[in-house]
Amino acid sequence: MLGRRAPAGRPGRGRDAGMTTSEYAMGTIAACAFAAVLYKVVTSDVVSAGLESVIGRALDAPF
């Protein structure tokens, strides 16, 4: 390996430098699915009632 030169061009060329288009698509789909599940959880009756309770107690707290 002594005396061997690095290939010309950008350093690191040939390595996995980032995501491909299909990986971006899968990441976008996963993020949308997670957002849909989170939206359903946050807008559920149980969570909504809990948030209303916390906000109501905070507004009724004496200063």
PDB file of N, CA and C in Angstrom:
ATOM      1  N   MET A   1       0.817  -1.198   0.000  1.00  0.00           N
ATOM      2  CA  MET A   1       0.000   0.000   0.000  1.00  0.00           C
ATOM      3  C   MET A   1       0.859   1.259   0.000  1.00  0.00           C
ATOM      4  N   LEU A   2       2.121   1.115   0.215  1.00  0.00           N
ATOM      5  CA  LEU A   2       3.004   2.265   0.220  1.00  0.00           C
ATOM      6  C   LEU A   2       3.134   2.818  -1.187  1.00  0.00           C
ATOM      7  N   GLY A   3       2.980   4.114  -1.310  1.00  0.00           N
ATOM      8  CA  GLY A   3       3.112   4.753  -2.605  1.00  0.00           C
ATOM      9  C   GLY A   3       1.833   4.758  -3.429  1.00  0.00           C
ATOM     10  N   ARG A   4       0.771   4.184  -2.925  1.00  0.00           N
ATOM     11  CA  ARG A   4      -0.491   4.149  -3.657  1.00  0.00           C
ATOM     12  C   ARG A   4      -1.231   5.463  -3.454  1.00  0.00           C
ATOM     13  N   ARG A   5      -1.715   6.041  -4.522  1.00  0.00           N
ATOM     14  CA  ARG A   5      -2.395   7.325  -4.455  1.00  0.00           C
ATOM     15  C   ARG A   5      -3.896   7.130  -4.358  1.00  0.00           C
ATOM     16  N   ALA A   6      -4.534   8.090  -3.740  1.00  0.00           N
ATOM     17  CA  ALA A   6      -5.989   8.090  -3.644  1.00  0.00           C
ATOM     18  C   ALA A   6      -6.566   8.425  -5.009  1.00  0.00           C
ATOM     19  N   PRO A   7      -7.728   7.912  -5.353  1.00  0.00           N
ATOM     20  CA  PRO A   7      -8.333   8.231  -6.636  1.00  0.00           C
ATOM     21  C   PRO A   7      -8.664   9.714  -6.734  1.00  0.00           C
ATOM     22  N   ALA A   8      -8.576  10.236  -7.935  1.00  0.00           N
ATOM     23  CA  ALA A   8      -8.870  11.652  -8.155  1.00  0.00           C
ATOM     24  C   ALA A   8     -10.358  11.912  -7.990  1.00  0.00           C
ATOM     25  N   GLY A   9     -10.700  13.134  -7.724  1.00  0.00           N
ATOM     26  CA  GLY A   9     -12.104  13.504  -7.564  1.00  0.00           C
ATOM     27  C   GLY A   9     -12.406  13.859  -6.121  1.00  0.00           C
ATOM     28  N   ARG A  10     -13.659  13.795  -5.772  1.00  0.00           N
ATOM     29  CA  ARG A  10     -14.065  14.144  -4.417  1.00  0.00           C
ATOM     30  C   ARG A  10     -13.572  13.107  -3.426  1.00  0.00           C
ATOM     31  N   PRO A  11     -13.145  13.558  -2.234  1.00  0.00           N
ATOM     32  CA  PRO A  11     -12.728  12.592  -1.226  1.00  0.00           C
ATOM     33  C   PRO A  11     -13.917  11.762  -0.760  1.00  0.00           C
ATOM     34  N   GLY A  12     -13.690  10.505  -0.526  1.00  0.00           N
ATOM     35  CA  GLY A  12     -14.744   9.636  -0.038  1.00  0.00           C
ATOM     36  C   GLY A  12     -15.657   9.132  -1.125  1.00  0.00           C
ATOM     37  N   ARG A  13     -15.327   9.394  -2.353  1.00  0.00           N
ATOM     38  CA  ARG A  13     -16.173   8.960  -3.454  1.00  0.00           C
ATOM     39  C   ARG A  13     -16.223   7.437  -3.485  1.00  0.00           C
ATOM     40  N   GLY A  14     -17.364   6.905  -3.707  1.00  0.00           N
ATOM     41  CA  GLY A  14     -17.523   5.461  -3.727  1.00  0.00           C
ATOM     42  C   GLY A  14     -18.060   4.928  -2.414  1.00  0.00           C
ATOM     43  N   ARG A  15     -18.022   5.737  -1.404  1.00  0.00           N
ATOM     44  CA  ARG A  15     -18.592   5.333  -0.116  1.00  0.00           C
ATOM     45  C   ARG A  15     -20.066   5.708  -0.086  1.00  0.00           C
ATOM     46  N   ASP A  16     -20.764   5.175   0.888  1.00  0.00           N
ATOM     47  CA  ASP A  16     -22.173   5.527   1.046  1.00  0.00           C
ATOM     48  C   ASP A  16     -22.235   6.910   1.687  1.00  0.00           C
ATOM     49  N   ALA A  17     -22.493   7.911   0.893  1.00  0.00           N
ATOM     50  CA  ALA A  17     -22.434   9.291   1.359  1.00  0.00           C
ATOM     51  C   ALA A  17     -23.786   9.842   1.790  1.00  0.00           C
ATOM     52  N   GLY A  18     -24.862   9.135   1.552  1.00  0.00           N
ATOM     53  CA  GLY A  18     -26.168   9.660   1.921  1.00  0.00           C
ATOM     54  C   GLY A  18     -27.271   8.699   1.541  1.00  0.00           C
ATOM     55  N   MET A  19     -28.489   9.157   1.732  1.00  0.00           N
ATOM     56  CA  MET A  19     -29.630   8.308   1.441  1.00  0.00           C
ATOM     57  C   MET A  19     -29.988   8.380  -0.036  1.00  0.00           C
ATOM     58  N   THR A  20     -30.519   7.298  -0.534  1.00  0.00           N
ATOM     59  CA  THR A  20     -31.011   7.276  -1.909  1.00  0.00           C
ATOM     60  C   THR A  20     -32.453   7.760  -1.925  1.00  0.00           C
ATOM     61  N   THR A  21     -32.990   7.918  -3.103  1.00  0.00           N
ATOM     62  CA  THR A  21     -34.364   8.399  -3.242  1.00  0.00           C
ATOM     63  C   THR A  21     -35.348   7.459  -2.567  1.00  0.00           C
ATOM     64  N   SER A  22     -35.145   6.160  -2.699  1.00  0.00           N
ATOM     65  CA  SER A  22     -36.072   5.213  -2.066  1.00  0.00           C
ATOM     66  C   SER A  22     -35.986   5.293  -0.549  1.00  0.00           C
ATOM     67  N   GLU A  23     -34.801   5.565  -0.015  1.00  0.00           N
ATOM     68  CA  GLU A  23     -34.675   5.712   1.439  1.00  0.00           C
ATOM     69  C   GLU A  23     -35.372   6.986   1.909  1.00  0.00           C
ATOM     70  N   TYR A  24     -35.278   8.063   1.136  1.00  0.00           N
ATOM     71  CA  TYR A  24     -36.024   9.278   1.467  1.00  0.00           C
ATOM     72  C   TYR A  24     -37.524   9.007   1.440  1.00  0.00           C
ATOM     73  N   ALA A  25     -37.986   8.261   0.453  1.00  0.00           N
ATOM     74  CA  ALA A  25     -39.413   7.955   0.344  1.00  0.00           C
ATOM     75  C   ALA A  25     -39.885   7.138   1.538  1.00  0.00           C
ATOM     76  N   MET A  26     -39.111   6.135   1.922  1.00  0.00           N
ATOM     77  CA  MET A  26     -39.499   5.305   3.078  1.00  0.00           C
ATOM     78  C   MET A  26     -39.470   6.126   4.364  1.00  0.00           C
ATOM     79  N   GLY A  27     -38.497   7.011   4.494  1.00  0.00           N
ATOM     80  CA  GLY A  27     -38.441   7.880   5.669  1.00  0.00           C
ATOM     81  C   GLY A  27     -39.618   8.831   5.725  1.00  0.00           C
ATOM     82  N   THR A  28     -40.025   9.352   4.585  1.00  0.00           N
ATOM     83  CA  THR A  28     -41.184  10.249   4.523  1.00  0.00           C
ATOM     84  C   THR A  28     -42.464   9.513   4.872  1.00  0.00           C
ATOM     85  N   ILE A  29     -42.622   8.301   4.367  1.00  0.00           N
ATOM     86  CA  ILE A  29     -43.806   7.498   4.674  1.00  0.00           C
ATOM     87  C   ILE A  29     -43.853   7.171   6.160  1.00  0.00           C
ATOM     88  N   ALA A  30     -42.705   6.802   6.730  1.00  0.00           N
ATOM     89  CA  ALA A  30     -42.656   6.486   8.167  1.00  0.00           C
ATOM     90  C   ALA A  30     -42.989   7.718   9.004  1.00  0.00           C
ATOM     91  N   ALA A  31     -42.480   8.884   8.623  1.00  0.00           N
ATOM     92  CA  ALA A  31     -42.768  10.111   9.364  1.00  0.00           C
ATOM     93  C   ALA A  31     -44.248  10.466   9.283  1.00  0.00           C
ATOM     94  N   CYS A  32     -44.853  10.285   8.125  1.00  0.00           N
ATOM     95  CA  CYS A  32     -46.293  10.565   7.972  1.00  0.00           C
ATOM     96  C   CYS A  32     -47.133   9.598   8.796  1.00  0.00           C
ATOM     97  N   ALA A  33     -46.750   8.337   8.805  1.00  0.00           N
ATOM     98  CA  ALA A  33     -47.481   7.352   9.607  1.00  0.00           C
ATOM     99  C   ALA A  33     -47.378   7.687  11.089  1.00  0.00           C
ATOM    100  N   PHE A  34     -46.180   8.052  11.540  1.00  0.00           N
ATOM    101  CA  PHE A  34     -46.002   8.423  12.940  1.00  0.00           C
ATOM    102  C   PHE A  34     -46.824   9.657  13.282  1.00  0.00           C
ATOM    103  N   ALA A  35     -46.859  10.642  12.381  1.00  0.00           N
ATOM    104  CA  ALA A  35     -47.652  11.846  12.616  1.00  0.00           C
ATOM    105  C   ALA A  35     -49.143  11.518  12.696  1.00  0.00           C
ATOM    106  N   ALA A  36     -49.610  10.598  11.869  1.00  0.00           N
ATOM    107  CA  ALA A  36     -51.028  10.214  11.903  1.00  0.00           C
ATOM    108  C   ALA A  36     -51.377   9.530  13.220  1.00  0.00           C
ATOM    109  N   VAL A  37     -50.504   8.637  13.676  1.00  0.00           N
ATOM    110  CA  VAL A  37     -50.751   7.960  14.956  1.00  0.00           C
ATOM    111  C   VAL A  37     -50.716   8.967  16.097  1.00  0.00           C
ATOM    112  N   LEU A  38     -49.746   9.873  16.086  1.00  0.00           N
ATOM    113  CA  LEU A  38     -49.647  10.885  17.140  1.00  0.00           C
ATOM    114  C   LEU A  38     -50.866  11.790  17.142  1.00  0.00           C
ATOM    115  N   TYR A  39     -51.363  12.159  15.972  1.00  0.00           N
ATOM    116  CA  TYR A  39     -52.563  12.994  15.875  1.00  0.00           C
ATOM    117  C   TYR A  39     -53.767  12.279  16.478  1.00  0.00           C
ATOM    118  N   LYS A  40     -53.901  10.983  16.162  1.00  0.00           N
ATOM    119  CA  LYS A  40     -55.026  10.213  16.710  1.00  0.00           C
ATOM    120  C   LYS A  40     -54.949  10.134  18.230  1.00  0.00           C
ATOM    121  N   VAL A  41     -53.743   9.959  18.760  1.00  0.00           N
ATOM    122  CA  VAL A  41     -53.572   9.867  20.219  1.00  0.00           C
ATOM    123  C   VAL A  41     -53.902  11.200  20.870  1.00  0.00           C
ATOM    124  N   VAL A  42     -53.375  12.289  20.334  1.00  0.00           N
ATOM    125  CA  VAL A  42     -53.567  13.607  20.944  1.00  0.00           C
ATOM    126  C   VAL A  42     -55.021  14.054  20.862  1.00  0.00           C
ATOM    127  N   THR A  43     -55.724  13.678  19.807  1.00  0.00           N
ATOM    128  CA  THR A  43     -57.116  14.103  19.674  1.00  0.00           C
ATOM    129  C   THR A  43     -58.103  13.107  20.275  1.00  0.00           C
ATOM    130  N   SER A  44     -57.607  12.061  20.924  1.00  0.00           N
ATOM    131  CA  SER A  44     -58.514  11.095  21.547  1.00  0.00           C
ATOM    132  C   SER A  44     -59.200  11.731  22.758  1.00  0.00           C
ATOM    133  N   ASP A  45     -60.321  11.136  23.167  1.00  0.00           N
ATOM    134  CA  ASP A  45     -61.101  11.679  24.285  1.00  0.00           C
ATOM    135  C   ASP A  45     -60.318  11.685  25.585  1.00  0.00           C
ATOM    136  N   VAL A  46     -59.552  10.639  25.835  1.00  0.00           N
ATOM    137  CA  VAL A  46     -58.806  10.525  27.099  1.00  0.00           C
ATOM    138  C   VAL A  46     -57.751  11.626  27.202  1.00  0.00           C
ATOM    139  N   VAL A  47     -56.970  11.798  26.173  1.00  0.00           N
ATOM    140  CA  VAL A  47     -55.911  12.814  26.190  1.00  0.00           C
ATOM    141  C   VAL A  47     -56.521  14.208  26.204  1.00  0.00           C
ATOM    142  N   SER A  48     -57.565  14.416  25.432  1.00  0.00           N
ATOM    143  CA  SER A  48     -58.226  15.719  25.401  1.00  0.00           C
ATOM    144  C   SER A  48     -58.770  16.084  26.780  1.00  0.00           C
ATOM    145  N   ALA A  49     -59.402  15.143  27.443  1.00  0.00           N
ATOM    146  CA  ALA A  49     -59.938  15.407  28.788  1.00  0.00           C
ATOM    147  C   ALA A  49     -58.801  15.690  29.768  1.00  0.00           C
ATOM    148  N   GLY A  50     -57.715  14.956  29.650  1.00  0.00           N
ATOM    149  CA  GLY A  50     -56.574  15.193  30.532  1.00  0.00           C
ATOM    150  C   GLY A  50     -55.973  16.573  30.330  1.00  0.00           C
ATOM    151  N   LEU A  51     -55.837  16.988  29.075  1.00  0.00           N
ATOM    152  CA  LEU A  51     -55.302  18.322  28.797  1.00  0.00           C
ATOM    153  C   LEU A  51     -56.238  19.412  29.314  1.00  0.00           C
ATOM    154  N   GLU A  52     -57.531  19.223  29.127  1.00  0.00           N
ATOM    155  CA  GLU A  52     -58.494  20.200  29.636  1.00  0.00           C
ATOM    156  C   GLU A  52     -58.420  20.291  31.151  1.00  0.00           C
ATOM    157  N   SER A  53     -58.241  19.153  31.809  1.00  0.00           N
ATOM    158  CA  SER A  53     -58.138  19.135  33.262  1.00  0.00           C
ATOM    159  C   SER A  53     -56.893  19.883  33.733  1.00  0.00           C
ATOM    160  N   VAL A  54     -55.779  19.635  33.082  1.00  0.00           N
ATOM    161  CA  VAL A  54     -54.533  20.303  33.472  1.00  0.00           C
ATOM    162  C   VAL A  54     -54.631  21.805  33.245  1.00  0.00           C
ATOM    163  N   ILE A  55     -55.172  22.207  32.110  1.00  0.00           N
ATOM    164  CA  ILE A  55     -55.305  23.632  31.812  1.00  0.00           C
ATOM    165  C   ILE A  55     -56.298  24.285  32.773  1.00  0.00           C
ATOM    166  N   GLY A  56     -57.390  23.594  33.062  1.00  0.00           N
ATOM    167  CA  GLY A  56     -58.374  24.132  34.007  1.00  0.00           C
ATOM    168  C   GLY A  56     -57.796  24.330  35.392  1.00  0.00           C
ATOM    169  N   ARG A  57     -57.021  23.352  35.871  1.00  0.00           N
ATOM    170  CA  ARG A  57     -56.379  23.498  37.184  1.00  0.00           C
ATOM    171  C   ARG A  57     -55.350  24.637  37.177  1.00  0.00           C
ATOM    172  N   ALA A  58     -54.639  24.793  36.073  1.00  0.00           N
ATOM    173  CA  ALA A  58     -53.649  25.867  35.993  1.00  0.00           C
ATOM    174  C   ALA A  58     -54.312  27.244  36.001  1.00  0.00           C
ATOM    175  N   LEU A  59     -55.454  27.354  35.348  1.00  0.00           N
ATOM    176  CA  LEU A  59     -56.143  28.650  35.314  1.00  0.00           C
ATOM    177  C   LEU A  59     -56.831  28.968  36.635  1.00  0.00           C
ATOM    178  N   ASP A  60     -57.212  27.941  37.382  1.00  0.00           N
ATOM    179  CA  ASP A  60     -57.880  28.164  38.672  1.00  0.00           C
ATOM    180  C   ASP A  60     -56.907  28.297  39.824  1.00  0.00           C
ATOM    181  N   ALA A  61     -55.630  28.170  39.565  1.00  0.00           N
ATOM    182  CA  ALA A  61     -54.631  28.240  40.644  1.00  0.00           C
ATOM    183  C   ALA A  61     -54.531  29.676  41.173  1.00  0.00           C
ATOM    184  N   PRO A  62     -54.487  29.797  42.519  1.00  0.00           N
ATOM    185  CA  PRO A  62     -54.337  31.152  43.083  1.00  0.00           C
ATOM    186  C   PRO A  62     -52.908  31.666  42.858  1.00  0.00           C
ATOM    187  N   PHE A  63     -52.816  32.969  42.626  1.00  0.00           N
ATOM    188  CA  PHE A  63     -51.486  33.570  42.405  1.00  0.00           C
ATOM    189  C   PHE A  63     -51.012  34.234  43.640  1.00  0.00           C
TER     190      PHE A  63
END
